[in-house]
Each structure stands twice: as C-alpha cells, then as structure tokens.
Amino acid sequence: MLVGIGGAVMFTPFFMLVLRLDPLIALGVGLTIEVFGFSSGVIGYLRKKVINFSVVKQVIVLTIPATVVGVVLGRLVPAFVLKILLSLLILYLAYQFLLEGKECLPKDPRCTGVSTSSERLNLTKMVKVTSMLGGLLVGMISSGLGEVNELNFLKKLKMTVPVASGTSVFLVAMSAIVGVCAHTYFLICQGELLIFTNVISLLIFTVPGVVLGAQAGVTLSNIINRKSMGKFVGALFAVLAILTFLTITYSTWIG
C-alpha cells in the first residue's frame, strides 16, 4: 500500500510456487485479497485528502471497462502467456524507475505525461493508453494497474508520494472490485464457485494482514520522498519480475 501496487503481484507467485494452486484460483484469490487491502487503503487516503480526483476521473473511465475485458480474455488466453506479459511489464517498469532516462525539456508532455494546453490537468495519450493496459492486466492476471500508475504518477506527473500512492490505490481498488465481481459472475455461471472453499483459510489469515498493512502504508507514505520511493519501487519490481519468471518456469516444468 505504501507504493500503491497490488499485493497480488507477490501473493500470486507464492500461491503457485509454494502452495501449488491452480493459476486461475491463485489469481482469483490474489485479486480478492487486493479488494480488502486497497479498500482499507482508500479509507486511509481519503481521510488524508491526498487522492487526485482530477486524474481519477480521466483514468477510471478507461481502466474499469478494460478490467472487464481483461477478465474475459483471462479465461481464454493460456496462463503462461498472461504471466509472460506481466513479467515483461514489470521488467520494463523496473528499468524506467532504476535507470535515468534522457533529459527532457521543461514541461514537455512526452516526459511529464501532462498536457498544459488548458487550465485543466489533461493526461497525454501515452498515460491513458498505459493506464488502460494496466486495467486490462488487472482483469487478466490480477496485477498491472498499480505498477503502471506508480510509473505514471511518480515519474511522469511528478506527484508527491502520498498523492501518487493515494490516487493509485483508489484506481486499483475500483478495478479490483469490478474484477472480483466479474470473476464471481463467470464462476457462478460455470458452476465453479465451490473451488474457493478450498482456499478460504488463506483469506482468513491474509485479509486481516493486508487491512492493517494498508493503514501502515498510508502512514509511512508521508515520510518517504519521491526519489527514494522511485528507487525502492524499481528494486521491488525487479524482484517481482524474477518471481514471476520463476512461476512461469515452474508451471512449464510441471506441465
């Protein structure tokens, strides 16, 4: 919650590698955990009034429909393809955070991600497209939007850590809720809802942790500067990419 990304990125590889859960179940459980964690985070950031709703309004109309489409595609595309997409995305984001890019002209929309042609904060097409891709990945693999948001908000929009995290958490929470509802709908239609009875114990032990952890993340976001956070997120993404590649290798090996 401190960095505004989804815990499913870490939970899902753990569920697959250690607990050996089916990818569909692991992704569904990870997304369900996200709903509780991010909902708790939203409450904390709303109290601090650091969510940029001007950005939210422009992004959420893209991410919500993309999440629904992602849920549908996630049931059609092979699991290993989805995991490869996620790992490549995370590696790219790690590169963006850890390695300095080319110098940009002041207020250049290609670098800032913001068009200043009007008084209203208008996001560039690239920011909108990547946000839509993030929403699509949330529906497909339970992760991706928070990771894209952190790149856009910290590196492109130059938001402070609390505002970047708060805005990202709100967007991910909305997409996660929609994603869980869509997944549940398909499970009910196909008579597969009972598969989650086998993992109810995971939710019992993880949900309280993510709820409390979300509040801790909200508090810590106020004492972390943007540059340090960018380096931390980059290193975290590199680790997550490795975990995802391990998941792919493991799934291929047992397959």
Protein backbone atom coordinates (compact mmCIF):
# COMPACT_ATOMS: atom_id res chain seq x y z
CA MET A 1 0.00 0.00 0.00
CA LEU A 2 2.96 2.29 0.60
CA VAL A 3 3.89 2.12 -3.09
CA GLY A 4 0.33 1.82 -4.42
CA ILE A 5 0.77 -1.54 -6.14
CA GLY A 6 -1.18 -4.74 -5.79
CA GLY A 7 -0.23 -7.43 -3.33
CA ALA A 8 -1.40 -10.00 -5.86
CA VAL A 9 1.93 -9.49 -7.65
CA MET A 10 3.60 -11.11 -4.63
CA PHE A 11 0.78 -13.34 -3.40
CA THR A 12 0.05 -14.99 -6.75
CA PRO A 13 3.59 -16.32 -7.39
CA PHE A 14 3.68 -17.56 -3.77
CA PHE A 15 0.37 -19.37 -4.17
CA MET A 16 1.56 -21.01 -7.40
CA LEU A 17 5.14 -21.85 -6.42
CA VAL A 18 4.76 -22.77 -2.75
CA LEU A 19 1.12 -23.80 -2.34
CA ARG A 20 0.85 -25.15 -5.91
CA LEU A 21 -2.58 -23.72 -6.53
CA ASP A 22 -4.15 -23.71 -9.97
CA PRO A 23 -3.29 -20.41 -11.75
CA LEU A 24 -6.96 -19.42 -12.07
CA ILE A 25 -7.55 -19.98 -8.35
CA ALA A 26 -4.32 -18.21 -7.39
CA LEU A 27 -5.20 -15.18 -9.50
CA GLY A 28 -8.73 -15.04 -8.13
CA VAL A 29 -7.59 -15.28 -4.52
CA GLY A 30 -4.92 -12.64 -5.13
CA LEU A 31 -7.49 -10.26 -6.59
CA THR A 32 -9.87 -10.88 -3.68
CA ILE A 33 -7.09 -10.05 -1.21
CA GLU A 34 -6.44 -6.86 -3.16
CA VAL A 35 -10.05 -5.75 -2.70
CA PHE A 36 -9.75 -5.84 1.09
CA GLY A 37 -6.29 -4.31 1.22
CA PHE A 38 -6.94 -1.50 -1.23
CA SER A 39 -10.36 -0.71 0.23
CA SER A 40 -8.67 -0.20 3.58
CA GLY A 41 -6.04 1.96 1.90
CA VAL A 42 -8.68 4.08 0.17
CA ILE A 43 -10.25 4.90 3.54
CA GLY A 44 -6.89 5.99 4.90
CA TYR A 45 -6.01 8.16 1.91
CA LEU A 46 -9.49 9.70 1.81
CA ARG A 47 -9.04 10.81 5.40
CA LYS A 48 -5.76 12.48 4.45
CA LYS A 49 -7.39 14.05 1.37
CA VAL A 50 -4.47 13.23 -0.91
CA ILE A 51 -6.32 11.48 -3.76
CA ASN A 52 -6.17 13.49 -7.01
CA PHE A 53 -9.71 13.06 -8.32
CA SER A 54 -8.94 15.14 -11.41
CA VAL A 55 -6.64 12.35 -12.54
CA VAL A 56 -9.02 9.65 -11.28
CA LYS A 57 -11.88 10.96 -13.44
CA GLN A 58 -9.77 10.79 -16.59
CA VAL A 59 -8.31 7.35 -15.89
CA ILE A 60 -11.14 5.37 -14.30
CA VAL A 61 -13.38 5.59 -17.39
CA LEU A 62 -10.65 3.67 -19.19
CA THR A 63 -9.50 1.21 -16.54
CA ILE A 64 -12.90 -0.12 -15.45
CA PRO A 65 -14.06 -1.28 -18.92
CA ALA A 66 -10.54 -2.58 -19.60
CA THR A 67 -10.69 -4.67 -16.42
CA VAL A 68 -13.93 -6.33 -17.52
CA VAL A 69 -12.44 -7.09 -20.94
CA GLY A 70 -9.36 -8.45 -19.18
CA VAL A 71 -11.45 -10.88 -17.12
CA VAL A 72 -12.99 -12.26 -20.30
CA LEU A 73 -9.62 -12.55 -22.05
CA GLY A 74 -8.07 -14.10 -18.96
CA ARG A 75 -10.34 -17.10 -19.33
CA LEU A 76 -9.39 -17.53 -22.99
CA VAL A 77 -5.63 -16.85 -23.08
CA PRO A 78 -3.25 -19.55 -21.72
CA ALA A 79 -1.99 -18.82 -18.22
CA PHE A 80 1.69 -18.88 -19.17
CA VAL A 81 1.10 -16.17 -21.79
CA LEU A 82 -0.50 -13.95 -19.16
CA LYS A 83 2.42 -14.45 -16.79
CA ILE A 84 4.93 -13.65 -19.52
CA LEU A 85 3.08 -10.40 -20.21
CA LEU A 86 3.17 -9.50 -16.53
CA SER A 87 6.86 -10.27 -16.12
CA LEU A 88 7.78 -8.23 -19.21
CA LEU A 89 5.71 -5.31 -17.96
CA ILE A 90 7.34 -5.40 -14.53
CA LEU A 91 10.83 -5.60 -16.04
CA TYR A 92 10.10 -2.56 -18.19
CA LEU A 93 8.82 -0.62 -15.21
CA ALA A 94 11.87 -1.60 -13.15
CA TYR A 95 14.07 -0.28 -15.95
CA GLN A 96 12.15 3.01 -16.03
CA PHE A 97 12.49 3.51 -12.28
CA LEU A 98 16.09 2.39 -11.77
CA LEU A 99 17.80 3.81 -14.85
CA GLU A 100 17.82 7.50 -15.58
CA GLY A 101 16.21 8.44 -18.86
CA LYS A 102 17.17 11.13 -21.35
CA GLU A 103 16.91 14.74 -20.31
CA CYS A 104 13.57 16.30 -21.16
CA LEU A 105 12.69 19.86 -21.97
CA PRO A 106 10.74 21.57 -19.18
CA LYS A 107 7.01 20.89 -19.40
CA ASP A 108 7.47 18.60 -22.43
CA PRO A 109 4.31 16.39 -22.48
CA ARG A 110 6.36 13.44 -23.77
CA CYS A 111 8.28 13.49 -20.49
CA THR A 112 5.79 14.88 -17.99
CA GLY A 113 2.76 12.96 -19.24
CA VAL A 114 0.64 16.10 -18.85
CA SER A 115 -0.68 18.48 -21.46
CA THR A 116 -0.67 22.09 -20.26
CA SER A 117 -2.66 23.49 -23.15
CA SER A 118 -5.52 24.32 -20.79
CA GLU A 119 -6.02 25.04 -17.13
CA ARG A 120 -7.45 21.59 -16.59
CA LEU A 121 -4.97 18.79 -15.96
CA ASN A 122 -5.08 16.76 -19.18
CA LEU A 123 -3.17 13.49 -19.34
CA THR A 124 -1.31 12.57 -22.51
CA LYS A 125 -2.43 9.73 -24.74
CA MET A 126 0.52 7.59 -23.61
CA VAL A 127 -0.51 7.87 -19.95
CA LYS A 128 -4.09 6.98 -20.85
CA VAL A 129 -3.06 4.04 -23.04
CA THR A 130 -0.73 2.59 -20.39
CA SER A 131 -3.43 3.03 -17.75
CA MET A 132 -5.89 1.14 -19.95
CA LEU A 133 -3.30 -1.61 -20.39
CA GLY A 134 -2.91 -1.75 -16.61
CA GLY A 135 -6.66 -2.16 -16.18
CA LEU A 136 -6.66 -4.91 -18.79
CA LEU A 137 -3.91 -6.76 -16.92
CA VAL A 138 -5.80 -6.48 -13.62
CA GLY A 139 -8.67 -8.40 -15.17
CA MET A 140 -6.37 -10.93 -16.83
CA ILE A 141 -3.70 -11.55 -14.18
CA SER A 142 -4.87 -9.61 -11.10
CA SER A 143 -1.94 -7.16 -11.33
CA GLY A 144 -0.54 -4.41 -13.52
CA LEU A 145 -2.54 -1.23 -12.92
CA GLY A 146 -0.81 -0.21 -9.69
CA GLU A 147 2.59 -0.81 -11.26
CA VAL A 148 1.74 1.35 -14.29
CA ASN A 149 0.24 4.01 -12.05
CA GLU A 150 3.40 4.35 -9.99
CA LEU A 151 5.43 4.95 -13.15
CA ASN A 152 2.95 7.50 -14.50
CA PHE A 153 2.29 9.31 -11.24
CA LEU A 154 5.81 9.43 -9.79
CA LYS A 155 7.92 9.70 -12.94
CA LYS A 156 5.59 11.38 -15.42
CA LEU A 157 3.24 13.53 -13.35
CA LYS A 158 5.83 14.20 -10.61
CA MET A 159 3.28 13.68 -7.84
CA THR A 160 4.35 13.51 -4.22
CA VAL A 161 4.46 10.01 -2.73
CA PRO A 162 1.21 10.37 -0.70
CA VAL A 163 -0.75 11.74 -3.69
CA ALA A 164 0.69 9.20 -6.14
CA SER A 165 0.01 6.29 -3.79
CA GLY A 166 -3.45 7.53 -2.79
CA THR A 167 -4.56 8.09 -6.38
CA SER A 168 -3.16 4.73 -7.48
CA VAL A 169 -4.77 2.89 -4.56
CA PHE A 170 -8.18 4.36 -5.36
CA LEU A 171 -7.96 3.36 -9.03
CA VAL A 172 -6.73 -0.16 -8.27
CA ALA A 173 -9.41 -0.65 -5.60
CA MET A 174 -12.17 0.21 -8.07
CA SER A 175 -10.74 -2.10 -10.73
CA ALA A 176 -10.20 -4.90 -8.21
CA ILE A 177 -13.81 -4.71 -7.04
CA VAL A 178 -15.07 -4.81 -10.63
CA GLY A 179 -12.67 -7.66 -11.41
CA VAL A 180 -13.82 -9.76 -8.45
CA CYS A 181 -17.47 -9.21 -9.41
CA ALA A 182 -16.76 -10.25 -13.00
CA HIS A 183 -14.77 -13.33 -11.90
CA THR A 184 -17.57 -14.31 -9.50
CA TYR A 185 -20.15 -13.94 -12.25
CA PHE A 186 -18.27 -16.34 -14.53
CA LEU A 187 -17.68 -18.80 -11.70
CA ILE A 188 -21.38 -18.86 -10.85
CA CYS A 189 -22.39 -19.26 -14.50
CA GLN A 190 -19.99 -22.19 -14.92
CA GLY A 191 -20.68 -23.76 -11.53
CA GLU A 192 -17.10 -23.28 -10.33
CA LEU A 193 -17.74 -21.12 -7.27
CA LEU A 194 -17.08 -24.02 -4.89
CA ILE A 195 -13.39 -24.09 -5.81
CA PHE A 196 -12.80 -21.18 -3.43
CA THR A 197 -13.96 -23.22 -0.45
CA ASN A 198 -10.57 -24.95 -0.63
CA VAL A 199 -8.69 -21.68 -0.08
CA ILE A 200 -10.95 -19.94 2.43
CA SER A 201 -8.26 -20.40 5.09
CA LEU A 202 -5.89 -18.28 3.00
CA LEU A 203 -8.34 -15.41 3.05
CA ILE A 204 -8.94 -15.77 6.79
CA PHE A 205 -5.24 -15.30 7.54
CA THR A 206 -4.26 -12.82 4.82
CA VAL A 207 -7.18 -10.38 4.82
CA PRO A 208 -6.58 -9.01 8.37
CA GLY A 209 -2.90 -8.60 7.49
CA VAL A 210 -3.50 -6.60 4.32
CA VAL A 211 -6.13 -4.43 6.01
CA LEU A 212 -3.74 -3.48 8.81
CA GLY A 213 -0.79 -3.23 6.43
CA ALA A 214 -2.73 -0.81 4.24
CA GLN A 215 -3.15 1.61 7.13
CA ALA A 216 0.56 1.34 7.96
CA GLY A 217 1.40 2.08 4.33
CA VAL A 218 -0.78 5.20 4.35
CA THR A 219 1.10 6.50 7.39
CA LEU A 220 4.56 5.71 6.01
CA SER A 221 3.80 7.40 2.67
CA ASN A 222 4.08 10.79 4.39
CA ILE A 223 7.72 10.30 5.38
CA ILE A 224 9.12 8.90 2.12
CA ASN A 225 10.38 11.24 -0.62
CA ARG A 226 9.65 10.66 -4.30
CA LYS A 227 13.23 9.92 -5.39
CA SER A 228 13.80 7.31 -2.70
CA MET A 229 10.41 5.77 -3.40
CA GLY A 230 11.20 5.55 -7.11
CA LYS A 231 14.40 3.60 -6.44
CA PHE A 232 12.64 1.34 -3.94
CA VAL A 233 9.79 0.61 -6.35
CA GLY A 234 12.28 -0.11 -9.15
CA ALA A 235 14.16 -2.63 -6.99
CA LEU A 236 10.86 -4.18 -5.87
CA PHE A 237 9.71 -4.57 -9.47
CA ALA A 238 12.99 -6.29 -10.37
CA VAL A 239 12.40 -8.83 -7.59
CA LEU A 240 8.77 -9.31 -8.63
CA ALA A 241 9.81 -9.90 -12.23
CA ILE A 242 12.18 -12.65 -11.08
CA LEU A 243 9.39 -14.23 -9.01
CA THR A 244 7.06 -14.15 -11.98
CA PHE A 245 9.65 -15.76 -14.26
CA LEU A 246 10.14 -18.46 -11.62
CA THR A 247 6.40 -19.04 -11.67
CA ILE A 248 6.46 -19.44 -15.46
CA THR A 249 9.41 -21.83 -15.29
CA TYR A 250 7.76 -23.87 -12.55
CA SER A 251 4.44 -24.08 -14.40
CA THR A 252 6.21 -25.15 -17.61
CA TRP A 253 8.31 -27.75 -15.79
CA ILE A 254 5.37 -29.45 -14.05
CA GLY A 255 3.31 -29.19 -17.21
